[in-house]
Amino acid sequence: MSGQNLTGLPGRPQYSMEQLTRAMLAVGLLPILLILTVVVMSIVEPKFYGIFNVLNVLRQSSFLAIVACGQMLVLIVGGLDLSVGAVVALTSSVMAKTMQAIGFVMPEAVGLTIFGGIMAGLGCGLGIGLLNGACVAFLRISPFMVTLGTLWIATGIGLLLTNGIPVYGMPDVFINDFGRALWFGIPTTVYVALGVVFLVVLLQRKTVLGRYLYAIGGNMQAATVSGVATTGYIIIAYVLCSMLASVSGILQTARLGSGQATMGGDLLMLESIAAAVIGGASLRGGIGRAEMVALSAVFLSILSNSMNLMRIDSKMQLVILGLILVAAVAIDELGKRRQIRG
């Protein structure tokens, strides 16, 4: 069939010429855009190279890269997750509340307090991911509507738990020795983000799960006929996406030192989709590389930081980020139409 993405099973995924062209463009353009942005900012604003600013960019890009890698996995299977920002906020609220409660009952059990809080936070991602995946895979509900609904659910639960007030009471060792720590001059979050990206790359290139995710996004009917349990793998993709959002929420909460139901939000959701698409992932499914998505997250973080240093109004920053997302989606759609015509 002309224009379709052919995927061999169980071997490596095979991309159409249009998809390979898009991936090559992403690989070539991203580094150039990144270098140009850095060079221009070094000329325009000397503070750009300040150690405080560099560390801030590293942290922000790490938070975004983790969420964007999860978003990419959902996009690969032809889905979309609007709830990632709300999952970050819910994770922050639940984790902080859990640590506060355990610490009140057992003030000396610092390790148990941290472990219990982290497990509660990850549980939020697991629960939302299962709900998203089950509704999409079994009930065949539009990913847009499902994740929009869970966005509201997660946001509402977070606000109910905290009344919109930051939650304190987490162990100092969790905040100072982890969230705000520097290992060899590099923030802890950077090491965690590099580990996450590395694991996602391994998943994509070396595991059956990675190959099947590509197969489902490229041609779900062919994958089903080939014996792939598509419903199960779609659920796994959504669970991984939400749990990676929870990881980002844990890191951000440790950095801020408080749980906040307003953390993440719509901007993180927008940025995660933009980072994934600009990094080469297709909204039509079947293609995406974690390393390029991570590089795209660095680019967007540097761009946002640059606009702050140049004192561009925050409202205008939203306009610019929105235009970047629209442009990325438009390029993806035009590429798909040319593929169909071909």
C-alpha atoms as a PDB file:
ATOM      1  CA  MET A   1       0.000   0.000   0.000  1.00  0.00           C
ATOM      2  CA  SER A   2       1.496   3.324  -1.055  1.00  0.00           C
ATOM      3  CA  GLY A   3       2.479   5.742   1.677  1.00  0.00           C
ATOM      4  CA  GLN A   4       2.151   3.269   4.530  1.00  0.00           C
ATOM      5  CA  ASN A   5       4.912   2.568   6.982  1.00  0.00           C
ATOM      6  CA  LEU A   6       6.050  -1.048   6.604  1.00  0.00           C
ATOM      7  CA  THR A   7       7.319  -2.726   9.751  1.00  0.00           C
ATOM      8  CA  GLY A   8       9.007  -6.097   9.866  1.00  0.00           C
ATOM      9  CA  LEU A   9       8.238  -8.281  12.858  1.00  0.00           C
ATOM     10  CA  PRO A  10       9.970  -9.148  15.068  1.00  0.00           C
ATOM     11  CA  GLY A  11      13.002  -7.447  13.496  1.00  0.00           C
ATOM     12  CA  ARG A  12      13.983  -3.811  13.532  1.00  0.00           C
ATOM     13  CA  PRO A  13      11.373  -1.226  12.458  1.00  0.00           C
ATOM     14  CA  GLN A  14      11.536  -0.119   8.808  1.00  0.00           C
ATOM     15  CA  TYR A  15      10.538   3.454   8.052  1.00  0.00           C
ATOM     16  CA  SER A  16       9.074   4.949   4.905  1.00  0.00           C
ATOM     17  CA  MET A  17      11.235   7.336   2.895  1.00  0.00           C
ATOM     18  CA  GLU A  18       9.198  10.323   4.133  1.00  0.00           C
ATOM     19  CA  GLN A  19       9.719   9.348   7.761  1.00  0.00           C
ATOM     20  CA  LEU A  20      13.432   8.822   7.227  1.00  0.00           C
ATOM     21  CA  THR A  21      13.642  12.249   5.575  1.00  0.00           C
ATOM     22  CA  ARG A  22      11.894  13.847   8.551  1.00  0.00           C
ATOM     23  CA  ALA A  23      14.234  12.123  10.972  1.00  0.00           C
ATOM     24  CA  MET A  24      17.292  13.235   9.009  1.00  0.00           C
ATOM     25  CA  LEU A  25      16.025  16.811   8.955  1.00  0.00           C
ATOM     26  CA  ALA A  26      15.468  16.703  12.703  1.00  0.00           C
ATOM     27  CA  VAL A  27      18.986  15.381  13.278  1.00  0.00           C
ATOM     28  CA  GLY A  28      20.485  18.105  11.079  1.00  0.00           C
ATOM     29  CA  LEU A  29      18.400  21.112  12.119  1.00  0.00           C
ATOM     30  CA  LEU A  30      18.270  20.720  15.871  1.00  0.00           C
ATOM     31  CA  PRO A  31      22.009  21.012  16.546  1.00  0.00           C
ATOM     32  CA  ILE A  32      22.200  23.995  14.202  1.00  0.00           C
ATOM     33  CA  LEU A  33      19.311  25.783  15.922  1.00  0.00           C
ATOM     34  CA  LEU A  34      20.817  24.986  19.309  1.00  0.00           C
ATOM     35  CA  ILE A  35      24.248  26.304  18.368  1.00  0.00           C
ATOM     36  CA  LEU A  36      22.782  29.459  16.797  1.00  0.00           C
ATOM     37  CA  THR A  37      20.737  30.173  19.917  1.00  0.00           C
ATOM     38  CA  VAL A  38      23.760  29.741  22.182  1.00  0.00           C
ATOM     39  CA  VAL A  39      25.976  31.921  19.969  1.00  0.00           C
ATOM     40  CA  VAL A  40      23.398  34.713  19.685  1.00  0.00           C
ATOM     41  CA  MET A  41      22.731  34.722  23.431  1.00  0.00           C
ATOM     42  CA  SER A  42      26.442  34.812  24.235  1.00  0.00           C
ATOM     43  CA  ILE A  43      26.633  38.021  22.207  1.00  0.00           C
ATOM     44  CA  VAL A  44      23.375  39.608  23.345  1.00  0.00           C
ATOM     45  CA  GLU A  45      23.397  38.711  27.042  1.00  0.00           C
ATOM     46  CA  PRO A  46      26.657  38.037  28.970  1.00  0.00           C
ATOM     47  CA  LYS A  47      24.663  36.634  31.905  1.00  0.00           C
ATOM     48  CA  PHE A  48      23.761  33.673  29.713  1.00  0.00           C
ATOM     49  CA  TYR A  49      27.080  32.011  30.577  1.00  0.00           C
ATOM     50  CA  GLY A  50      26.789  32.716  34.294  1.00  0.00           C
ATOM     51  CA  ILE A  51      27.130  29.601  36.429  1.00  0.00           C
ATOM     52  CA  PHE A  52      23.764  30.153  38.100  1.00  0.00           C
ATOM     53  CA  ASN A  53      22.030  30.477  34.728  1.00  0.00           C
ATOM     54  CA  VAL A  54      23.788  27.445  33.260  1.00  0.00           C
ATOM     55  CA  LEU A  55      22.758  25.288  36.226  1.00  0.00           C
ATOM     56  CA  ASN A  56      19.186  26.570  35.930  1.00  0.00           C
ATOM     57  CA  VAL A  57      19.057  25.652  32.230  1.00  0.00           C
ATOM     58  CA  LEU A  58      20.447  22.189  32.985  1.00  0.00           C
ATOM     59  CA  ARG A  59      17.764  21.574  35.612  1.00  0.00           C
ATOM     60  CA  GLN A  60      14.890  22.831  33.494  1.00  0.00           C
ATOM     61  CA  SER A  61      15.961  20.881  30.424  1.00  0.00           C
ATOM     62  CA  SER A  62      16.294  17.744  32.574  1.00  0.00           C
ATOM     63  CA  PHE A  63      12.745  18.077  33.911  1.00  0.00           C
ATOM     64  CA  LEU A  64      11.406  18.597  30.385  1.00  0.00           C
ATOM     65  CA  ALA A  65      13.495  15.851  28.764  1.00  0.00           C
ATOM     66  CA  ILE A  66      12.124  13.211  31.147  1.00  0.00           C
ATOM     67  CA  VAL A  67       8.505  14.174  30.463  1.00  0.00           C
ATOM     68  CA  ALA A  68       9.106  14.566  26.714  1.00  0.00           C
ATOM     69  CA  CYS A  69      10.597  11.059  26.449  1.00  0.00           C
ATOM     70  CA  GLY A  70       7.404   9.680  27.952  1.00  0.00           C
ATOM     71  CA  GLN A  71       5.307  11.787  25.606  1.00  0.00           C
ATOM     72  CA  MET A  72       7.338  10.439  22.695  1.00  0.00           C
ATOM     73  CA  LEU A  73       6.510   6.824  23.623  1.00  0.00           C
ATOM     74  CA  VAL A  74       2.802   7.626  23.505  1.00  0.00           C
ATOM     75  CA  LEU A  75       3.175   9.470  20.203  1.00  0.00           C
ATOM     76  CA  ILE A  76       5.014   6.475  18.722  1.00  0.00           C
ATOM     77  CA  VAL A  77       1.935   4.258  19.242  1.00  0.00           C
ATOM     78  CA  GLY A  78      -0.254   6.929  17.658  1.00  0.00           C
ATOM     79  CA  GLY A  79      -1.529   8.439  20.909  1.00  0.00           C
ATOM     80  CA  LEU A  80      -1.260  11.687  22.846  1.00  0.00           C
ATOM     81  CA  ASP A  81      -1.089  12.523  26.552  1.00  0.00           C
ATOM     82  CA  LEU A  82      -2.410  15.899  27.699  1.00  0.00           C
ATOM     83  CA  SER A  83      -2.294  14.915  31.362  1.00  0.00           C
ATOM     84  CA  VAL A  84       1.478  14.901  31.935  1.00  0.00           C
ATOM     85  CA  GLY A  85       1.560  18.333  33.574  1.00  0.00           C
ATOM     86  CA  ALA A  86      -1.298  17.408  35.906  1.00  0.00           C
ATOM     87  CA  VAL A  87       0.452  14.131  36.780  1.00  0.00           C
ATOM     88  CA  VAL A  88       3.549  16.110  37.773  1.00  0.00           C
ATOM     89  CA  ALA A  89       1.412  18.274  40.081  1.00  0.00           C
ATOM     90  CA  LEU A  90      -0.506  15.320  41.537  1.00  0.00           C
ATOM     91  CA  THR A  91       2.744  13.458  42.176  1.00  0.00           C
ATOM     92  CA  SER A  92       4.158  16.484  43.962  1.00  0.00           C
ATOM     93  CA  SER A  93       1.086  16.877  46.162  1.00  0.00           C
ATOM     94  CA  VAL A  94       0.682  13.202  47.062  1.00  0.00           C
ATOM     95  CA  MET A  95       4.385  12.647  47.696  1.00  0.00           C
ATOM     96  CA  ALA A  96       4.674  15.689  49.960  1.00  0.00           C
ATOM     97  CA  LYS A  97       1.501  14.786  51.858  1.00  0.00           C
ATOM     98  CA  THR A  98       2.720  11.209  52.324  1.00  0.00           C
ATOM     99  CA  MET A  99       6.121  12.301  53.582  1.00  0.00           C
ATOM    100  CA  GLN A 100       4.484  14.818  55.900  1.00  0.00           C
ATOM    101  CA  ALA A 101       2.189  12.142  57.370  1.00  0.00           C
ATOM    102  CA  ILE A 102       4.887   9.489  57.829  1.00  0.00           C
ATOM    103  CA  GLY A 103       7.293  12.042  59.261  1.00  0.00           C
ATOM    104  CA  PHE A 104       4.698  13.148  61.798  1.00  0.00           C
ATOM    105  CA  VAL A 105       4.057   9.576  62.996  1.00  0.00           C
ATOM    106  CA  MET A 106       7.671   8.356  62.796  1.00  0.00           C
ATOM    107  CA  PRO A 107       9.964  11.401  62.832  1.00  0.00           C
ATOM    108  CA  GLU A 108      13.112   9.284  63.140  1.00  0.00           C
ATOM    109  CA  ALA A 109      12.341   7.024  60.173  1.00  0.00           C
ATOM    110  CA  VAL A 110      13.788   9.316  57.514  1.00  0.00           C
ATOM    111  CA  GLY A 111      14.516   6.537  55.031  1.00  0.00           C
ATOM    112  CA  LEU A 112      11.020   5.107  55.323  1.00  0.00           C
ATOM    113  CA  THR A 113       9.550   8.595  54.941  1.00  0.00           C
ATOM    114  CA  ILE A 114      11.435   9.214  51.693  1.00  0.00           C
ATOM    115  CA  PHE A 115      10.746   5.737  50.325  1.00  0.00           C
ATOM    116  CA  GLY A 116       7.044   5.920  51.156  1.00  0.00           C
ATOM    117  CA  GLY A 117       6.695   9.356  49.578  1.00  0.00           C
ATOM    118  CA  ILE A 118       8.463   8.351  46.369  1.00  0.00           C
ATOM    119  CA  MET A 119       6.392   5.173  46.038  1.00  0.00           C
ATOM    120  CA  ALA A 120       3.193   7.170  46.567  1.00  0.00           C
ATOM    121  CA  GLY A 121       4.279   9.636  43.891  1.00  0.00           C
ATOM    122  CA  LEU A 122       5.119   6.908  41.395  1.00  0.00           C
ATOM    123  CA  GLY A 123       1.791   5.273  42.223  1.00  0.00           C
ATOM    124  CA  CYS A 124       0.044   8.392  40.935  1.00  0.00           C
ATOM    125  CA  GLY A 125       1.766   8.004  37.583  1.00  0.00           C
ATOM    126  CA  LEU A 126       0.980   4.298  37.492  1.00  0.00           C
ATOM    127  CA  GLY A 127      -2.711   4.868  38.242  1.00  0.00           C
ATOM    128  CA  ILE A 128      -3.228   7.680  35.724  1.00  0.00           C
ATOM    129  CA  GLY A 129      -1.240   5.778  33.095  1.00  0.00           C
ATOM    130  CA  LEU A 130      -3.333   2.638  33.545  1.00  0.00           C
ATOM    131  CA  LEU A 131      -6.534   4.659  33.301  1.00  0.00           C
ATOM    132  CA  ASN A 132      -5.369   6.441  30.157  1.00  0.00           C
ATOM    133  CA  GLY A 133      -4.100   3.268  28.515  1.00  0.00           C
ATOM    134  CA  ALA A 134      -7.153   1.159  29.365  1.00  0.00           C
ATOM    135  CA  CYS A 135      -9.588   3.747  28.013  1.00  0.00           C
ATOM    136  CA  VAL A 136      -7.614   4.149  24.787  1.00  0.00           C
ATOM    137  CA  ALA A 137      -6.758   0.473  24.216  1.00  0.00           C
ATOM    138  CA  PHE A 138      -9.913  -1.302  25.388  1.00  0.00           C
ATOM    139  CA  LEU A 139     -12.665   1.301  25.050  1.00  0.00           C
ATOM    140  CA  ARG A 140     -11.175   2.888  21.913  1.00  0.00           C
ATOM    141  CA  ILE A 141     -11.805   6.394  23.249  1.00  0.00           C
ATOM    142  CA  SER A 142      -9.910   9.245  21.619  1.00  0.00           C
ATOM    143  CA  PRO A 143      -6.571   9.814  23.410  1.00  0.00           C
ATOM    144  CA  PHE A 144      -7.285  13.541  23.335  1.00  0.00           C
ATOM    145  CA  MET A 145     -10.543  13.206  25.260  1.00  0.00           C
ATOM    146  CA  VAL A 146      -9.254  10.559  27.686  1.00  0.00           C
ATOM    147  CA  THR A 147      -6.143  12.462  28.687  1.00  0.00           C
ATOM    148  CA  LEU A 148      -8.056  15.740  28.830  1.00  0.00           C
ATOM    149  CA  GLY A 149     -10.382  14.075  31.323  1.00  0.00           C
ATOM    150  CA  THR A 150      -7.542  12.669  33.424  1.00  0.00           C
ATOM    151  CA  LEU A 151      -5.898  16.091  33.323  1.00  0.00           C
ATOM    152  CA  TRP A 152      -8.931  17.515  35.100  1.00  0.00           C
ATOM    153  CA  ILE A 153      -9.141  14.536  37.464  1.00  0.00           C
ATOM    154  CA  ALA A 154      -5.498  14.771  38.507  1.00  0.00           C
ATOM    155  CA  THR A 155      -5.682  18.546  38.860  1.00  0.00           C
ATOM    156  CA  GLY A 156      -8.809  18.349  40.988  1.00  0.00           C
ATOM    157  CA  ILE A 157      -7.400  15.669  43.291  1.00  0.00           C
ATOM    158  CA  GLY A 158      -4.219  17.654  43.802  1.00  0.00           C
ATOM    159  CA  LEU A 159      -6.125  20.796  44.704  1.00  0.00           C
ATOM    160  CA  LEU A 160      -8.438  18.886  47.050  1.00  0.00           C
ATOM    161  CA  LEU A 161      -5.463  17.388  48.887  1.00  0.00           C
ATOM    162  CA  THR A 162      -3.623  20.677  49.328  1.00  0.00           C
ATOM    163  CA  ASN A 163      -6.344  23.363  49.067  1.00  0.00           C
ATOM    164  CA  GLY A 164      -3.930  25.060  46.696  1.00  0.00           C
ATOM    165  CA  ILE A 165      -1.416  25.615  49.520  1.00  0.00           C
ATOM    166  CA  PRO A 166       2.200  24.359  49.252  1.00  0.00           C
ATOM    167  CA  VAL A 167       2.891  21.292  51.413  1.00  0.00           C
ATOM    168  CA  TYR A 168       6.058  21.275  53.507  1.00  0.00           C
ATOM    169  CA  GLY A 169       7.465  18.802  56.026  1.00  0.00           C
ATOM    170  CA  MET A 170       9.671  16.671  53.772  1.00  0.00           C
ATOM    171  CA  PRO A 171      13.024  15.460  55.173  1.00  0.00           C
ATOM    172  CA  ASP A 172      15.893  17.915  54.795  1.00  0.00           C
ATOM    173  CA  VAL A 173      18.134  15.168  53.433  1.00  0.00           C
ATOM    174  CA  PHE A 174      15.698  14.618  50.564  1.00  0.00           C
ATOM    175  CA  ILE A 175      15.709  18.309  49.700  1.00  0.00           C
ATOM    176  CA  ASN A 176      19.300  19.374  50.349  1.00  0.00           C
ATOM    177  CA  ASP A 177      21.233  16.176  49.657  1.00  0.00           C
ATOM    178  CA  PHE A 178      19.191  15.133  46.637  1.00  0.00           C
ATOM    179  CA  GLY A 179      16.934  17.774  45.136  1.00  0.00           C
ATOM    180  CA  ARG A 180      19.367  20.690  45.445  1.00  0.00           C
ATOM    181  CA  ALA A 181      22.620  18.775  45.487  1.00  0.00           C
ATOM    182  CA  LEU A 182      25.461  19.149  43.001  1.00  0.00           C
ATOM    183  CA  TRP A 183      27.519  16.082  42.138  1.00  0.00           C
ATOM    184  CA  PHE A 184      30.853  17.162  40.631  1.00  0.00           C
ATOM    185  CA  GLY A 185      29.289  20.552  39.995  1.00  0.00           C
ATOM    186  CA  ILE A 186      26.302  19.100  38.084  1.00  0.00           C
ATOM    187  CA  PRO A 187      22.724  19.040  39.477  1.00  0.00           C
ATOM    188  CA  THR A 188      21.364  15.666  40.532  1.00  0.00           C
ATOM    189  CA  THR A 189      18.484  16.031  38.095  1.00  0.00           C
ATOM    190  CA  VAL A 190      20.872  15.993  35.141  1.00  0.00           C
ATOM    191  CA  TYR A 191      22.205  12.559  36.102  1.00  0.00           C
ATOM    192  CA  VAL A 192      18.667  11.229  36.546  1.00  0.00           C
ATOM    193  CA  ALA A 193      17.606  12.657  33.167  1.00  0.00           C
ATOM    194  CA  LEU A 194      20.630  11.146  31.415  1.00  0.00           C
ATOM    195  CA  GLY A 195      19.812   7.798  33.003  1.00  0.00           C
ATOM    196  CA  VAL A 196      16.183   8.010  31.862  1.00  0.00           C
ATOM    197  CA  VAL A 197      17.138   8.924  28.288  1.00  0.00           C
ATOM    198  CA  PHE A 198      19.708   6.111  28.190  1.00  0.00           C
ATOM    199  CA  LEU A 199      17.144   3.566  29.389  1.00  0.00           C
ATOM    200  CA  VAL A 200      14.539   4.740  26.865  1.00  0.00           C
ATOM    201  CA  VAL A 201      17.132   4.482  24.068  1.00  0.00           C
ATOM    202  CA  LEU A 202      17.899   0.924  25.159  1.00  0.00           C
ATOM    203  CA  LEU A 203      14.176   0.151  25.274  1.00  0.00           C
ATOM    204  CA  GLN A 204      13.707   1.435  21.737  1.00  0.00           C
ATOM    205  CA  ARG A 205      16.723  -0.233  20.176  1.00  0.00           C
ATOM    206  CA  LYS A 206      17.338  -3.421  22.121  1.00  0.00           C
ATOM    207  CA  THR A 207      13.981  -4.738  23.378  1.00  0.00           C
ATOM    208  CA  VAL A 208      10.953  -6.431  21.889  1.00  0.00           C
ATOM    209  CA  LEU A 209       8.803  -3.813  23.603  1.00  0.00           C
ATOM    210  CA  GLY A 210      10.530  -1.032  21.686  1.00  0.00           C
ATOM    211  CA  ARG A 211      10.130  -2.789  18.345  1.00  0.00           C
ATOM    212  CA  TYR A 212       6.479  -3.541  18.990  1.00  0.00           C
ATOM    213  CA  LEU A 213       5.727   0.066  19.943  1.00  0.00           C
ATOM    214  CA  TYR A 214       7.104   1.164  16.578  1.00  0.00           C
ATOM    215  CA  ALA A 215       5.129  -1.584  14.857  1.00  0.00           C
ATOM    216  CA  ILE A 216       1.849  -0.543  16.473  1.00  0.00           C
ATOM    217  CA  GLY A 217       2.330   3.103  15.550  1.00  0.00           C
ATOM    218  CA  GLY A 218       3.441   2.305  12.025  1.00  0.00           C
ATOM    219  CA  ASN A 219       0.605  -0.070  11.181  1.00  0.00           C
ATOM    220  CA  MET A 220      -1.604  -1.340  13.993  1.00  0.00           C
ATOM    221  CA  GLN A 221      -3.542  -3.712  11.753  1.00  0.00           C
ATOM    222  CA  ALA A 222      -0.364  -5.363  10.489  1.00  0.00           C
ATOM    223  CA  ALA A 223       0.957  -5.616  14.051  1.00  0.00           C
ATOM    224  CA  THR A 224      -2.261  -7.264  15.236  1.00  0.00           C
ATOM    225  CA  VAL A 225      -2.244  -9.745  12.355  1.00  0.00           C
ATOM    226  CA  SER A 226       1.387 -10.554  13.186  1.00  0.00           C
ATOM    227  CA  GLY A 227       0.356 -11.609  16.677  1.00  0.00           C
ATOM    228  CA  VAL A 228       1.308  -8.496  18.680  1.00  0.00           C
ATOM    229  CA  ALA A 229      -0.896  -7.895  21.739  1.00  0.00           C
ATOM    230  CA  THR A 230      -1.514  -4.300  20.728  1.00  0.00           C
ATOM    231  CA  THR A 231      -3.826  -3.406  23.627  1.00  0.00           C
ATOM    232  CA  GLY A 232      -1.273  -4.449  26.218  1.00  0.00           C
ATOM    233  CA  TYR A 233       1.586  -2.550  24.595  1.00  0.00           C
ATOM    234  CA  ILE A 234      -0.515   0.598  24.203  1.00  0.00           C
ATOM    235  CA  ILE A 235      -1.296   0.479  27.925  1.00  0.00           C
ATOM    236  CA  ILE A 236       2.415   0.044  28.677  1.00  0.00           C
ATOM    237  CA  ALA A 237       3.220   3.136  26.596  1.00  0.00           C
ATOM    238  CA  TYR A 238       0.741   5.269  28.550  1.00  0.00           C
ATOM    239  CA  VAL A 239       1.945   3.872  31.887  1.00  0.00           C
ATOM    240  CA  LEU A 240       5.573   4.646  31.027  1.00  0.00           C
ATOM    241  CA  CYS A 241       4.583   8.163  29.948  1.00  0.00           C
ATOM    242  CA  SER A 242       2.747   8.923  33.194  1.00  0.00           C
ATOM    243  CA  MET A 243       5.421   7.343  35.380  1.00  0.00           C
ATOM    244  CA  LEU A 244       8.137   9.411  33.711  1.00  0.00           C
ATOM    245  CA  ALA A 245       6.004  12.475  34.417  1.00  0.00           C
ATOM    246  CA  SER A 246       5.919  11.328  38.044  1.00  0.00           C
ATOM    247  CA  VAL A 247       9.720  11.037  38.063  1.00  0.00           C
ATOM    248  CA  SER A 248       9.928  14.635  36.871  1.00  0.00           C
ATOM    249  CA  GLY A 249       7.425  15.645  39.566  1.00  0.00           C
ATOM    250  CA  ILE A 250       9.530  13.966  42.258  1.00  0.00           C
ATOM    251  CA  LEU A 251      12.653  15.786  41.091  1.00  0.00           C
ATOM    252  CA  GLN A 252      10.918  19.164  40.895  1.00  0.00           C
ATOM    253  CA  THR A 253       9.382  18.717  44.345  1.00  0.00           C
ATOM    254  CA  ALA A 254      12.766  17.823  45.836  1.00  0.00           C
ATOM    255  CA  ARG A 255      14.241  20.904  44.176  1.00  0.00           C
ATOM    256  CA  LEU A 256      11.540  23.292  45.439  1.00  0.00           C
ATOM    257  CA  GLY A 257      11.282  21.725  48.885  1.00  0.00           C
ATOM    258  CA  SER A 258       7.483  21.657  48.852  1.00  0.00           C
ATOM    259  CA  GLY A 259       4.618  19.838  47.193  1.00  0.00           C
ATOM    260  CA  GLN A 260       2.513  22.051  44.944  1.00  0.00           C
ATOM    261  CA  ALA A 261      -0.732  21.271  43.157  1.00  0.00           C
ATOM    262  CA  THR A 262       0.032  23.985  40.598  1.00  0.00           C
ATOM    263  CA  MET A 263       3.358  22.502  39.502  1.00  0.00           C
ATOM    264  CA  GLY A 264       3.719  21.488  35.848  1.00  0.00           C
ATOM    265  CA  GLY A 265       0.448  22.635  34.338  1.00  0.00           C
ATOM    266  CA  ASP A 266      -0.525  23.294  30.750  1.00  0.00           C
ATOM    267  CA  LEU A 267       2.845  24.810  29.813  1.00  0.00           C
ATOM    268  CA  LEU A 268       4.715  21.584  30.568  1.00  0.00           C
ATOM    269  CA  MET A 269       2.208  19.619  28.516  1.00  0.00           C
ATOM    270  CA  LEU A 270       2.666  22.020  25.610  1.00  0.00           C
ATOM    271  CA  GLU A 271       6.455  21.914  25.901  1.00  0.00           C
ATOM    272  CA  SER A 272       6.568  18.110  26.111  1.00  0.00           C
ATOM    273  CA  ILE A 273       4.570  17.740  22.901  1.00  0.00           C
ATOM    274  CA  ALA A 274       6.664  20.412  21.185  1.00  0.00           C
ATOM    275  CA  ALA A 275       9.921  18.781  22.309  1.00  0.00           C
ATOM    276  CA  ALA A 276       8.777  15.377  21.054  1.00  0.00           C
ATOM    277  CA  VAL A 277       7.576  16.638  17.669  1.00  0.00           C
ATOM    278  CA  ILE A 278      10.540  18.970  17.094  1.00  0.00           C
ATOM    279  CA  GLY A 279      12.773  16.042  18.041  1.00  0.00           C
ATOM    280  CA  GLY A 280      11.395  14.012  15.142  1.00  0.00           C
ATOM    281  CA  ALA A 281       8.444  12.120  16.661  1.00  0.00           C
ATOM    282  CA  SER A 282       5.414  11.970  14.394  1.00  0.00           C
ATOM    283  CA  LEU A 283       1.895  12.757  15.540  1.00  0.00           C
ATOM    284  CA  ARG A 284       0.824   9.957  13.201  1.00  0.00           C
ATOM    285  CA  GLY A 285       2.887   7.424  15.111  1.00  0.00           C
ATOM    286  CA  GLY A 286       5.631   4.987  14.197  1.00  0.00           C
ATOM    287  CA  ILE A 287       8.728   7.148  14.626  1.00  0.00           C
ATOM    288  CA  GLY A 288      10.672   8.869  17.382  1.00  0.00           C
ATOM    289  CA  ARG A 289      14.126   8.798  18.971  1.00  0.00           C
ATOM    290  CA  ALA A 290      14.739   9.538  22.637  1.00  0.00           C
ATOM    291  CA  GLU A 291      18.137  11.174  22.124  1.00  0.00           C
ATOM    292  CA  MET A 292      16.715  13.679  19.643  1.00  0.00           C
ATOM    293  CA  VAL A 293      13.750  14.428  21.896  1.00  0.00           C
ATOM    294  CA  ALA A 294      16.162  15.103  24.768  1.00  0.00           C
ATOM    295  CA  LEU A 295      18.180  17.449  22.542  1.00  0.00           C
ATOM    296  CA  SER A 296      14.963  19.198  21.569  1.00  0.00           C
ATOM    297  CA  ALA A 297      14.135  19.636  25.277  1.00  0.00           C
ATOM    298  CA  VAL A 298      17.518  21.305  25.790  1.00  0.00           C
ATOM    299  CA  PHE A 299      16.809  23.618  22.855  1.00  0.00           C
ATOM    300  CA  LEU A 300      13.389  24.644  24.169  1.00  0.00           C
ATOM    301  CA  SER A 301      14.778  25.209  27.680  1.00  0.00           C
ATOM    302  CA  ILE A 302      17.573  27.395  26.339  1.00  0.00           C
ATOM    303  CA  LEU A 303      15.078  29.289  24.175  1.00  0.00           C
ATOM    304  CA  SER A 304      12.781  29.897  27.165  1.00  0.00           C
ATOM    305  CA  ASN A 305      15.717  30.932  29.342  1.00  0.00           C
ATOM    306  CA  SER A 306      16.940  33.280  26.617  1.00  0.00           C
ATOM    307  CA  MET A 307      13.553  34.981  26.389  1.00  0.00           C
ATOM    308  CA  ASN A 308      13.594  35.491  30.163  1.00  0.00           C
ATOM    309  CA  LEU A 309      17.076  37.022  30.050  1.00  0.00           C
ATOM    310  CA  MET A 310      15.974  39.311  27.223  1.00  0.00           C
ATOM    311  CA  ARG A 311      12.988  40.337  29.386  1.00  0.00           C
ATOM    312  CA  ILE A 312      10.407  39.261  26.835  1.00  0.00           C
ATOM    313  CA  ASP A 313       6.945  39.465  28.346  1.00  0.00           C
ATOM    314  CA  SER A 314       5.729  36.114  29.713  1.00  0.00           C
ATOM    315  CA  LYS A 315       2.544  36.367  27.636  1.00  0.00           C
ATOM    316  CA  MET A 316       4.597  36.842  24.477  1.00  0.00           C
ATOM    317  CA  GLN A 317       6.707  33.820  25.448  1.00  0.00           C
ATOM    318  CA  LEU A 318       3.562  31.696  25.390  1.00  0.00           C
ATOM    319  CA  VAL A 319       2.771  33.039  21.929  1.00  0.00           C
ATOM    320  CA  ILE A 320       6.252  32.138  20.683  1.00  0.00           C
ATOM    321  CA  LEU A 321       6.142  28.632  22.169  1.00  0.00           C
ATOM    322  CA  GLY A 322       2.677  28.138  20.693  1.00  0.00           C
ATOM    323  CA  LEU A 323       3.889  29.224  17.254  1.00  0.00           C
ATOM    324  CA  ILE A 324       6.794  26.780  17.491  1.00  0.00           C
ATOM    325  CA  LEU A 325       4.399  23.952  18.321  1.00  0.00           C
ATOM    326  CA  VAL A 326       2.015  24.897  15.485  1.00  0.00           C
ATOM    327  CA  ALA A 327       4.939  25.035  13.049  1.00  0.00           C
ATOM    328  CA  ALA A 328       6.184  21.616  14.172  1.00  0.00           C
ATOM    329  CA  VAL A 329       2.721  20.079  13.829  1.00  0.00           C
ATOM    330  CA  ALA A 330       2.234  21.734  10.431  1.00  0.00           C
ATOM    331  CA  ILE A 331       5.516  20.295   9.161  1.00  0.00           C
ATOM    332  CA  ASP A 332       4.491  16.861  10.405  1.00  0.00           C
ATOM    333  CA  GLU A 333       1.096  17.102   8.695  1.00  0.00           C
ATOM    334  CA  LEU A 334       2.542  18.359   5.396  1.00  0.00           C
ATOM    335  CA  GLY A 335       5.029  15.516   5.429  1.00  0.00           C
ATOM    336  CA  LYS A 336       2.231  13.007   5.944  1.00  0.00           C
ATOM    337  CA  ARG A 337       0.227  14.432   3.041  1.00  0.00           C
ATOM    338  CA  ARG A 338       3.223  14.242   0.719  1.00  0.00           C
ATOM    339  CA  GLN A 339       3.712  10.658   1.843  1.00  0.00           C
ATOM    340  CA  ILE A 340       0.093   9.794   0.985  1.00  0.00           C
ATOM    341  CA  ARG A 341       0.356  11.439  -2.445  1.00  0.00           C
ATOM    342  CA  GLY A 342       3.559   9.513  -3.104  1.00  0.00           C
END
